[in-house]
Amino acid sequence: MVRLAQAVQLAPAVGNVELPRTYVLPGDHLSVRLPAGTSTQSINSAKFTPATTHGYAVKAYTAPVVHANPAAIKSDVAPAE
């Protein structure tokens, strides 16, 4: 389990989005809502702030965002009828 702040900073200049919870388990997939008018292709990094087991924030980690080929992405969400 990884504990972290609920806010994730997306760059460049998208701002913060909120995670649905303050922890991630191995194999988890979390989704966030982007601000209106934001293209996923415009995001190139995400800054996370991990927390200790006691809830104290530690050094932030910036992860690159890799844009996959949409045709290669598997979805576990059934298409709308």
C-alpha atoms as a PDB file:
ATOM      1  CA  MET A   1       0.000   0.000   0.000  1.00  0.00           C
ATOM      2  CA  VAL A   2       1.174   3.497  -0.798  1.00  0.00           C
ATOM      3  CA  ARG A   3      -0.339   6.425   1.082  1.00  0.00           C
ATOM      4  CA  LEU A   4      -0.413   9.808  -0.607  1.00  0.00           C
ATOM      5  CA  ALA A   5      -2.047  13.196  -0.677  1.00  0.00           C
ATOM      6  CA  GLN A   6      -5.335  13.220  -2.540  1.00  0.00           C
ATOM      7  CA  ALA A   7      -4.294  16.104  -4.816  1.00  0.00           C
ATOM      8  CA  VAL A   8      -2.154  15.307  -7.877  1.00  0.00           C
ATOM      9  CA  GLN A   9      -0.584  18.154  -9.832  1.00  0.00           C
ATOM     10  CA  LEU A  10      -0.724  17.700 -13.609  1.00  0.00           C
ATOM     11  CA  ALA A  11       1.685  19.590 -15.846  1.00  0.00           C
ATOM     12  CA  PRO A  12       2.096  21.641 -17.807  1.00  0.00           C
ATOM     13  CA  ALA A  13      -0.323  24.140 -16.307  1.00  0.00           C
ATOM     14  CA  VAL A  14      -3.364  21.859 -15.905  1.00  0.00           C
ATOM     15  CA  GLY A  15      -3.483  22.237 -12.128  1.00  0.00           C
ATOM     16  CA  ASN A  16      -4.586  19.788  -9.471  1.00  0.00           C
ATOM     17  CA  VAL A  17      -6.971  16.865  -9.742  1.00  0.00           C
ATOM     18  CA  GLU A  18      -8.322  14.822  -6.840  1.00  0.00           C
ATOM     19  CA  LEU A  19      -7.724  11.112  -6.417  1.00  0.00           C
ATOM     20  CA  PRO A  20     -10.737   9.119  -5.193  1.00  0.00           C
ATOM     21  CA  ARG A  21      -8.815   8.031  -2.061  1.00  0.00           C
ATOM     22  CA  THR A  22      -5.513   8.585  -0.241  1.00  0.00           C
ATOM     23  CA  TYR A  23      -3.941   5.180  -0.876  1.00  0.00           C
ATOM     24  CA  VAL A  24      -3.059   2.864  -3.758  1.00  0.00           C
ATOM     25  CA  LEU A  25      -2.828  -0.913  -3.516  1.00  0.00           C
ATOM     26  CA  PRO A  26      -0.729  -3.136  -5.802  1.00  0.00           C
ATOM     27  CA  GLY A  27      -2.531  -3.622  -9.101  1.00  0.00           C
ATOM     28  CA  ASP A  28      -4.951  -0.719  -8.490  1.00  0.00           C
ATOM     29  CA  HIS A  29      -6.191   1.537 -11.261  1.00  0.00           C
ATOM     30  CA  LEU A  30      -7.434   4.977 -10.232  1.00  0.00           C
ATOM     31  CA  SER A  31      -9.254   7.436 -12.476  1.00  0.00           C
ATOM     32  CA  VAL A  32      -9.587  11.191 -12.116  1.00  0.00           C
ATOM     33  CA  ARG A  33     -11.758  13.820 -13.781  1.00  0.00           C
ATOM     34  CA  LEU A  34      -9.824  16.383 -15.779  1.00  0.00           C
ATOM     35  CA  PRO A  35     -10.836  20.044 -15.832  1.00  0.00           C
ATOM     36  CA  ALA A  36     -13.230  20.903 -18.663  1.00  0.00           C
ATOM     37  CA  GLY A  37     -11.434  21.446 -21.962  1.00  0.00           C
ATOM     38  CA  THR A  38      -8.295  19.559 -20.912  1.00  0.00           C
ATOM     39  CA  SER A  39      -6.926  17.047 -23.396  1.00  0.00           C
ATOM     40  CA  THR A  40      -5.114  14.017 -21.995  1.00  0.00           C
ATOM     41  CA  GLN A  41      -2.518  14.575 -24.729  1.00  0.00           C
ATOM     42  CA  SER A  42      -1.626  17.949 -23.164  1.00  0.00           C
ATOM     43  CA  ILE A  43      -0.423  16.320 -19.931  1.00  0.00           C
ATOM     44  CA  ASN A  44       3.214  15.247 -19.746  1.00  0.00           C
ATOM     45  CA  SER A  45       3.770  14.716 -15.998  1.00  0.00           C
ATOM     46  CA  ALA A  46       1.982  14.089 -12.713  1.00  0.00           C
ATOM     47  CA  LYS A  47       3.351  15.100  -9.292  1.00  0.00           C
ATOM     48  CA  PHE A  48       2.352  12.895  -6.360  1.00  0.00           C
ATOM     49  CA  THR A  49       3.037  13.592  -2.704  1.00  0.00           C
ATOM     50  CA  PRO A  50       3.530  10.348  -0.766  1.00  0.00           C
ATOM     51  CA  ALA A  51       2.796  10.171   2.957  1.00  0.00           C
ATOM     52  CA  THR A  52       4.261   8.180   5.822  1.00  0.00           C
ATOM     53  CA  THR A  53       2.182   5.637   7.738  1.00  0.00           C
ATOM     54  CA  HIS A  54       1.473   8.442  10.221  1.00  0.00           C
ATOM     55  CA  GLY A  55       0.144  10.751   7.496  1.00  0.00           C
ATOM     56  CA  TYR A  56       3.086  13.154   7.171  1.00  0.00           C
ATOM     57  CA  ALA A  57       3.873  14.351   3.645  1.00  0.00           C
ATOM     58  CA  VAL A  58       7.324  13.469   2.304  1.00  0.00           C
ATOM     59  CA  LYS A  59       9.251  14.568  -0.804  1.00  0.00           C
ATOM     60  CA  ALA A  60       7.013  14.811  -3.880  1.00  0.00           C
ATOM     61  CA  TYR A  61       7.570  12.463  -6.823  1.00  0.00           C
ATOM     62  CA  THR A  62       7.045  13.595 -10.416  1.00  0.00           C
ATOM     63  CA  ALA A  63       6.194  10.807 -12.851  1.00  0.00           C
ATOM     64  CA  PRO A  64       6.208  11.149 -16.633  1.00  0.00           C
ATOM     65  CA  VAL A  65       2.900  10.547 -18.411  1.00  0.00           C
ATOM     66  CA  VAL A  66       3.245   8.193 -21.367  1.00  0.00           C
ATOM     67  CA  HIS A  67       0.513   8.373 -23.997  1.00  0.00           C
ATOM     68  CA  ALA A  68      -0.384   4.905 -25.236  1.00  0.00           C
ATOM     69  CA  ASN A  69      -1.896   4.054 -28.575  1.00  0.00           C
ATOM     70  CA  PRO A  70      -5.676   4.250 -27.839  1.00  0.00           C
ATOM     71  CA  ALA A  71      -6.257   1.059 -29.825  1.00  0.00           C
ATOM     72  CA  ALA A  72      -3.893  -0.816 -27.487  1.00  0.00           C
ATOM     73  CA  ILE A  73      -5.685   0.205 -24.274  1.00  0.00           C
ATOM     74  CA  LYS A  74      -7.909  -2.447 -22.741  1.00  0.00           C
ATOM     75  CA  SER A  75     -10.950  -1.172 -20.935  1.00  0.00           C
ATOM     76  CA  ASP A  76     -12.804  -2.947 -18.176  1.00  0.00           C
ATOM     77  CA  VAL A  77     -15.778  -0.636 -18.717  1.00  0.00           C
ATOM     78  CA  ALA A  78     -18.565  -1.935 -20.929  1.00  0.00           C
ATOM     79  CA  PRO A  79     -19.469   0.359 -23.829  1.00  0.00           C
ATOM     80  CA  ALA A  80     -22.702   2.325 -23.482  1.00  0.00           C
ATOM     81  CA  GLU A  81     -25.619   0.942 -25.461  1.00  0.00           C
END
